[in-house]
């Protein structure tokens, strides 16, 4: 005879803390330990992912390199908006990234950056957008989340360490920090699950390759 507790746990409307509350379509990250920590077993295909980095070079681009290679098969734009330096094209090409699908945007100010970002993620022509913003309000984050859902796009926002405690309505928030060996990953917010304990990933060389600092007002599309 089943106990009352067993019957209760079999209900579909009861969530256990070690189970995902929601499922989602996802892209494998290329890192098995990270896939285990994410709903659907990888990066969400749609929505906003916020990456918290104290400064560039924490391993954040290496974390997304498998996804960039996967995007080569989808024949859609990958947008880079306001990166702290122009990514090094030969390094990307050597890693299997299709340069002809990369679009680099350098808006002149924050207002123009938000406009370009919303247009990119809602267009339906981009599956992946990387953006570096110096500030972001809760209302702006919510608007970008809705735009990403409209365009069926994954928006990755790279933010400074001061954004760690911001209550932005994003579905995934991850902090990354370079260690002497590898990078430390902390999942601060994930839809359908609790925050995670810190764990380490081996991400290779953390250095940004660059041709020159990015310049305001620049619009460069691949091939670079």
Protein backbone atom coordinates (compact mmCIF):
# COMPACT_ATOMS: atom_id res chain seq x y z
CA UNK A 1 0.00 0.00 0.00
CA UNK A 2 1.42 3.37 -1.01
CA UNK A 3 2.10 5.90 1.70
CA UNK A 4 0.56 9.36 1.56
CA UNK A 5 4.05 10.79 0.92
CA UNK A 6 4.62 8.48 -2.08
CA UNK A 7 1.28 9.44 -3.57
CA UNK A 8 2.06 13.11 -3.04
CA UNK A 9 5.46 12.86 -4.78
CA UNK A 10 3.86 11.22 -7.83
CA UNK A 11 1.70 14.29 -8.47
CA UNK A 12 2.70 16.23 -11.61
CA UNK A 13 2.23 19.57 -9.85
CA UNK A 14 4.79 18.79 -7.14
CA UNK A 15 8.38 19.86 -7.83
CA UNK A 16 11.36 18.26 -6.12
CA UNK A 17 14.40 20.45 -5.54
CA UNK A 18 16.66 18.06 -7.51
CA UNK A 19 14.41 18.08 -10.57
CA UNK A 20 14.06 20.68 -13.33
CA UNK A 21 10.82 22.58 -13.02
CA UNK A 22 10.79 23.46 -16.72
CA UNK A 23 12.28 22.02 -19.90
CA UNK A 24 13.51 23.98 -22.89
CA UNK A 25 15.05 23.53 -26.31
CA UNK A 26 18.79 23.89 -25.94
CA UNK A 27 22.19 23.87 -27.61
CA UNK A 28 24.83 21.60 -26.02
CA UNK A 29 27.53 23.78 -24.48
CA UNK A 30 30.36 21.39 -25.37
CA UNK A 31 31.18 21.01 -21.67
CA UNK A 32 29.54 18.00 -20.03
CA UNK A 33 29.78 19.39 -16.49
CA UNK A 34 28.06 22.61 -17.55
CA UNK A 35 25.37 20.74 -19.52
CA UNK A 36 24.44 18.89 -16.32
CA UNK A 37 23.77 22.19 -14.60
CA UNK A 38 21.46 23.66 -17.25
CA UNK A 39 17.80 22.98 -18.01
CA UNK A 40 17.50 21.02 -21.23
CA UNK A 41 21.16 20.04 -21.00
CA UNK A 42 22.66 23.16 -22.60
CA UNK A 43 22.33 26.84 -23.54
CA UNK A 44 18.71 27.96 -24.05
CA UNK A 45 17.96 28.46 -27.73
CA UNK A 46 15.75 31.45 -26.93
CA UNK A 47 16.04 34.13 -24.26
CA UNK A 48 18.65 36.15 -22.39
CA UNK A 49 21.75 34.74 -20.73
CA UNK A 50 23.69 37.20 -18.56
CA UNK A 51 27.42 36.51 -18.07
CA UNK A 52 29.02 38.27 -15.10
CA UNK A 53 32.74 38.96 -15.65
CA UNK A 54 34.87 41.30 -13.54
CA UNK A 55 36.84 42.08 -16.71
CA UNK A 56 37.35 40.54 -20.17
CA UNK A 57 39.57 37.48 -20.42
CA UNK A 58 37.94 35.24 -17.79
CA UNK A 59 37.40 32.45 -20.31
CA UNK A 60 33.99 33.73 -21.42
CA UNK A 61 34.59 33.49 -25.16
CA UNK A 62 36.10 30.00 -24.86
CA UNK A 63 32.90 29.00 -23.07
CA UNK A 64 30.87 29.87 -26.19
CA UNK A 65 33.30 28.63 -28.84
CA UNK A 66 31.51 25.27 -29.33
CA UNK A 67 28.23 27.16 -29.81
CA UNK A 68 29.85 29.48 -32.36
CA UNK A 69 31.05 26.45 -34.32
CA UNK A 70 27.55 24.99 -34.20
CA UNK A 71 26.11 28.21 -35.58
CA UNK A 72 28.14 27.70 -38.78
CA UNK A 73 25.59 25.04 -39.79
CA UNK A 74 22.56 27.31 -39.33
CA UNK A 75 23.46 29.97 -41.96
CA UNK A 76 22.25 32.90 -39.88
CA UNK A 77 24.00 35.98 -38.51
CA UNK A 78 25.90 36.03 -35.24
CA UNK A 79 26.02 39.61 -33.96
CA UNK A 80 28.79 41.05 -31.75
CA UNK A 81 27.72 44.38 -30.22
CA UNK A 82 30.23 46.70 -28.49
CA UNK A 83 32.91 44.13 -27.58
CA UNK A 84 35.85 45.59 -25.56
CA UNK A 85 38.16 44.68 -28.47
CA UNK A 86 37.72 43.43 -32.01
CA UNK A 87 37.85 39.61 -31.87
CA UNK A 88 40.81 38.16 -33.75
CA UNK A 89 39.43 36.79 -37.02
CA UNK A 90 42.24 34.27 -37.78
CA UNK A 91 41.77 32.71 -34.34
CA UNK A 92 38.00 32.40 -34.84
CA UNK A 93 38.43 30.93 -38.32
CA UNK A 94 41.02 28.47 -37.02
CA UNK A 95 38.50 27.34 -34.38
CA UNK A 96 35.88 26.52 -37.01
CA UNK A 97 33.83 29.74 -36.82
CA UNK A 98 32.33 30.95 -40.13
CA UNK A 99 33.53 34.55 -40.47
CA UNK A 100 30.99 35.27 -43.22
CA UNK A 101 28.21 34.95 -40.63
CA UNK A 102 29.72 37.38 -38.08
CA UNK A 103 28.47 40.96 -37.79
CA UNK A 104 30.31 43.47 -35.58
CA UNK A 105 28.38 46.56 -34.43
CA UNK A 106 29.83 49.53 -32.54
CA UNK A 107 27.01 52.00 -31.73
CA UNK A 108 27.96 55.51 -30.68
CA UNK A 109 26.08 55.60 -27.36
CA UNK A 110 24.00 53.52 -24.96
CA UNK A 111 20.66 54.53 -26.48
CA UNK A 112 21.81 53.52 -29.95
CA UNK A 113 23.23 50.27 -28.55
CA UNK A 114 19.89 49.30 -27.02
CA UNK A 115 18.08 50.08 -30.27
CA UNK A 116 20.54 48.03 -32.35
CA UNK A 117 20.37 45.18 -29.85
CA UNK A 118 16.58 45.03 -29.82
CA UNK A 119 16.45 45.13 -33.62
CA UNK A 120 19.02 42.32 -33.89
CA UNK A 121 17.45 39.88 -31.46
CA UNK A 122 13.87 40.44 -32.68
CA UNK A 123 14.69 40.33 -36.41
CA UNK A 124 14.50 36.57 -36.88
CA UNK A 125 17.75 36.74 -38.89
CA UNK A 126 20.04 36.10 -35.89
CA UNK A 127 20.17 32.98 -33.75
CA UNK A 128 22.92 34.31 -31.47
CA UNK A 129 23.84 37.82 -30.29
CA UNK A 130 26.75 38.77 -28.01
CA UNK A 131 26.52 42.20 -26.36
CA UNK A 132 28.63 44.17 -23.88
CA UNK A 133 26.65 46.88 -22.07
CA UNK A 134 27.86 49.23 -19.35
CA UNK A 135 24.40 49.57 -17.81
CA UNK A 136 21.04 47.84 -18.01
CA UNK A 137 17.81 48.58 -16.15
CA UNK A 138 15.23 46.00 -15.15
CA UNK A 139 12.77 47.41 -17.71
CA UNK A 140 15.40 47.24 -20.48
CA UNK A 141 16.29 43.64 -19.57
CA UNK A 142 12.61 42.66 -19.68
CA UNK A 143 12.20 44.31 -23.07
CA UNK A 144 15.24 42.47 -24.46
CA UNK A 145 13.89 39.17 -23.11
CA UNK A 146 10.62 39.74 -24.97
CA UNK A 147 12.50 40.74 -28.12
CA UNK A 148 14.59 37.56 -27.96
CA UNK A 149 11.43 35.47 -27.64
CA UNK A 150 9.93 37.24 -30.63
CA UNK A 151 13.00 36.64 -32.80
CA UNK A 152 13.69 33.13 -31.44
CA UNK A 153 17.21 34.25 -30.58
CA UNK A 154 19.71 33.66 -27.76
CA UNK A 155 21.10 36.94 -26.42
CA UNK A 156 24.26 36.72 -24.31
CA UNK A 157 24.88 39.86 -22.24
CA UNK A 158 28.38 40.31 -20.82
CA UNK A 159 28.26 42.47 -17.68
CA UNK A 160 30.68 43.61 -15.00
CA UNK A 161 30.87 42.08 -11.53
CA UNK A 162 28.69 44.89 -10.16
CA UNK A 163 25.72 43.31 -11.98
CA UNK A 164 25.85 40.08 -9.97
CA UNK A 165 23.13 41.16 -7.53
CA UNK A 166 20.93 42.98 -10.02
CA UNK A 167 17.42 41.55 -10.19
CA UNK A 168 17.17 41.43 -13.97
CA UNK A 169 14.36 39.25 -15.41
CA UNK A 170 16.68 36.99 -17.40
CA UNK A 171 16.35 33.23 -17.52
CA UNK A 172 20.02 32.42 -16.99
CA UNK A 173 22.76 34.29 -15.09
CA UNK A 174 26.29 32.92 -14.78
CA UNK A 175 29.39 34.35 -13.08
CA UNK A 176 32.77 33.35 -14.51
CA UNK A 177 36.19 33.99 -12.95
CA UNK A 178 39.63 33.01 -14.27
CA UNK A 179 41.70 30.84 -11.91
CA UNK A 180 45.34 29.79 -12.13
CA UNK A 181 44.03 26.66 -13.82
CA UNK A 182 40.73 26.86 -15.66
CA UNK A 183 37.78 29.10 -14.84
CA UNK A 184 35.33 29.05 -11.94
CA UNK A 185 31.65 28.91 -12.92
CA UNK A 186 28.77 29.87 -10.64
CA UNK A 187 25.20 29.68 -11.88
CA UNK A 188 23.45 32.51 -10.06
CA UNK A 189 20.04 32.10 -11.68
CA UNK A 190 18.56 29.39 -13.88
CA UNK A 191 14.97 28.95 -14.91
CA UNK A 192 13.46 25.91 -13.26
CA UNK A 193 16.27 25.28 -10.76
CA UNK A 194 18.26 26.61 -7.82
CA UNK A 195 21.60 28.47 -8.09
CA UNK A 196 24.56 26.09 -8.27
CA UNK A 197 27.68 25.67 -6.20
CA UNK A 198 30.89 26.84 -7.88
CA UNK A 199 32.61 24.38 -10.21
CA UNK A 200 35.65 24.58 -12.49
CA UNK A 201 35.94 24.20 -16.26
CA UNK A 202 39.10 23.95 -18.34
CA UNK A 203 38.62 26.56 -21.05
CA UNK A 204 42.10 26.96 -22.49
CA UNK A 205 43.81 30.27 -23.22
CA UNK A 206 41.87 33.21 -21.76
CA UNK A 207 43.53 35.93 -23.83
CA UNK A 208 41.54 38.06 -26.24
CA UNK A 209 43.13 38.13 -29.65
CA UNK A 210 42.64 41.55 -31.19
CA UNK A 211 43.61 43.50 -34.26
CA UNK A 212 42.91 46.90 -32.68
CA UNK A 213 40.56 48.43 -30.10
CA UNK A 214 36.98 48.69 -31.30
CA UNK A 215 35.95 52.18 -32.44
CA UNK A 216 32.64 53.88 -31.84
CA UNK A 217 30.35 54.28 -34.81
CA UNK A 218 31.83 51.24 -36.57
CA UNK A 219 29.79 48.61 -38.40
CA UNK A 220 31.90 45.74 -39.73
CA UNK A 221 30.45 42.61 -41.27
CA UNK A 222 32.33 39.42 -42.15
CA UNK A 223 34.40 38.14 -43.70
CA UNK A 224 36.87 40.16 -41.62
